[in-house]
Amino acid sequence: MSYPERPTDAVPAPTTYRLQPGTYDLPSYGVLRDHGQATVALVLGAIALCTGLLFLSPIAWWLGRQALDEIDAAPGIYNNRGMAQAGQICGLIGTVLLGIGLLFVLAMVLMVIAV
């Protein structure tokens, strides 16, 4: 089985940078943007852990996961993947603490009812 020869004027492989010339709504060649949801996820996760407002943690976890999915789906466009990961981790820790707190409150209510 023989394959046809590749033409000499073949189109070269695309570069890893998706933002080459720049337009009115996109930055110029090679400039990476910050993902807004990654920043929001990190801020919500930090607020939840530092202030005890743990009901914000599942939101931070969800936003961090969404931002990570979007950053991974479009490589070469966003540069704050670490912020999305940190927001997701802070949200995960806060959600675990929220679950432990809810179990503790439930156990206390059951103990009061049992007495």
Protein backbone atom coordinates (compact mmCIF):
# COMPACT_ATOMS: atom_id res chain seq x y z
CA MET A 1 0.00 0.00 0.00
CA SER A 2 1.53 3.29 -1.01
CA TYR A 3 0.59 6.67 0.29
CA PRO A 4 0.42 9.73 -1.94
CA GLU A 5 3.35 12.08 -1.67
CA ARG A 6 2.97 15.06 0.53
CA PRO A 7 2.88 18.29 -1.46
CA THR A 8 5.81 20.62 -0.92
CA ASP A 9 3.57 23.60 -0.30
CA ALA A 10 1.77 21.94 2.63
CA VAL A 11 0.39 24.15 5.36
CA PRO A 12 2.70 24.14 8.38
CA ALA A 13 1.41 22.92 11.72
CA PRO A 14 -0.28 25.62 13.80
CA THR A 15 1.70 27.19 16.61
CA THR A 16 0.76 26.84 20.25
CA TYR A 17 -0.17 30.52 20.38
CA ARG A 18 -3.78 30.99 19.37
CA LEU A 19 -3.80 34.81 19.54
CA GLN A 20 -1.52 35.75 16.70
CA PRO A 21 -2.42 39.04 15.04
CA GLY A 22 -4.71 40.57 17.64
CA THR A 23 -8.09 42.15 16.99
CA TYR A 24 -10.28 44.69 18.69
CA ASP A 25 -11.34 42.23 21.41
CA LEU A 26 -8.27 39.96 21.64
CA PRO A 27 -4.76 40.92 22.72
CA SER A 28 -1.83 40.77 20.35
CA TYR A 29 0.39 37.81 19.50
CA GLY A 30 1.42 35.64 22.41
CA VAL A 31 -0.14 37.71 25.18
CA LEU A 32 -1.97 35.44 27.59
CA ARG A 33 -5.08 36.57 29.44
CA ASP A 34 -6.26 35.92 32.98
CA HIS A 35 -9.35 33.76 33.36
CA GLY A 36 -11.90 35.67 35.42
CA GLN A 37 -13.51 32.64 37.02
CA ALA A 38 -10.13 31.45 38.30
CA THR A 39 -9.66 34.69 40.18
CA VAL A 40 -13.20 34.59 41.57
CA ALA A 41 -12.75 30.96 42.67
CA LEU A 42 -9.56 31.79 44.55
CA VAL A 43 -11.08 34.85 46.22
CA LEU A 44 -14.21 32.96 47.29
CA GLY A 45 -12.16 30.04 48.58
CA ALA A 46 -9.88 32.32 50.58
CA ILE A 47 -12.80 34.28 52.01
CA ALA A 48 -14.55 31.05 52.96
CA LEU A 49 -11.51 29.66 54.77
CA CYS A 50 -10.40 32.89 56.45
CA THR A 51 -13.76 34.16 57.68
CA GLY A 52 -15.60 30.92 58.35
CA LEU A 53 -18.25 31.57 55.71
CA LEU A 54 -17.98 27.98 54.58
CA PHE A 55 -21.19 28.06 52.52
CA LEU A 56 -19.09 29.84 49.85
CA SER A 57 -16.75 26.85 49.54
CA PRO A 58 -18.84 24.68 47.18
CA ILE A 59 -19.22 27.70 44.88
CA ALA A 60 -15.44 28.22 44.85
CA TRP A 61 -14.89 24.52 44.18
CA TRP A 62 -17.37 24.56 41.28
CA LEU A 63 -16.00 27.78 39.74
CA GLY A 64 -12.43 26.49 40.04
CA ARG A 65 -13.37 23.26 38.27
CA GLN A 66 -15.14 25.18 35.49
CA ALA A 67 -12.17 27.50 35.03
CA LEU A 68 -9.75 24.56 34.89
CA ASP A 69 -11.87 22.86 32.24
CA GLU A 70 -11.97 26.03 30.13
CA ILE A 71 -8.25 26.69 30.54
CA ASP A 72 -7.40 23.13 29.55
CA ALA A 73 -9.77 23.26 26.58
CA ALA A 74 -8.03 26.34 25.14
CA PRO A 75 -4.27 26.05 25.71
CA GLY A 76 -2.22 29.12 24.95
CA ILE A 77 -4.96 31.61 25.80
CA TYR A 78 -5.11 31.76 29.62
CA ASN A 79 -2.18 31.93 32.01
CA ASN A 80 -3.62 31.62 35.53
CA ARG A 81 -4.23 27.89 35.78
CA GLY A 82 -2.59 27.90 39.21
CA MET A 83 -5.18 30.32 40.54
CA ALA A 84 -7.96 28.05 39.31
CA GLN A 85 -6.32 25.07 41.01
CA ALA A 86 -5.84 27.01 44.24
CA GLY A 87 -9.48 28.13 44.19
CA GLN A 88 -10.63 24.58 43.60
CA ILE A 89 -8.45 23.26 46.44
CA CYS A 90 -9.60 25.98 48.86
CA GLY A 91 -13.19 25.21 47.91
CA LEU A 92 -12.63 21.51 48.43
CA ILE A 93 -11.09 22.04 51.88
CA GLY A 94 -13.90 24.41 52.87
CA THR A 95 -16.54 21.97 51.62
CA VAL A 96 -15.01 19.17 53.69
CA LEU A 97 -14.98 21.44 56.75
CA LEU A 98 -18.58 22.41 56.04
CA GLY A 99 -19.57 18.74 55.87
CA ILE A 100 -17.77 17.97 59.15
CA GLY A 101 -19.49 20.96 60.79
CA LEU A 102 -22.90 19.86 59.57
CA LEU A 103 -22.29 16.33 60.86
CA PHE A 104 -21.23 17.75 64.22
CA VAL A 105 -24.38 19.90 64.46
CA LEU A 106 -26.53 16.92 63.46
CA ALA A 107 -24.87 14.76 66.13
CA MET A 108 -25.46 17.44 68.78
CA VAL A 109 -29.13 17.77 67.80
CA LEU A 110 -29.58 13.99 67.96
CA MET A 111 -27.93 13.89 71.39
CA VAL A 112 -30.24 16.60 72.70
CA ILE A 113 -33.29 14.79 71.31
CA ALA A 114 -32.16 11.46 72.78
CA VAL A 115 -31.86 12.91 76.31
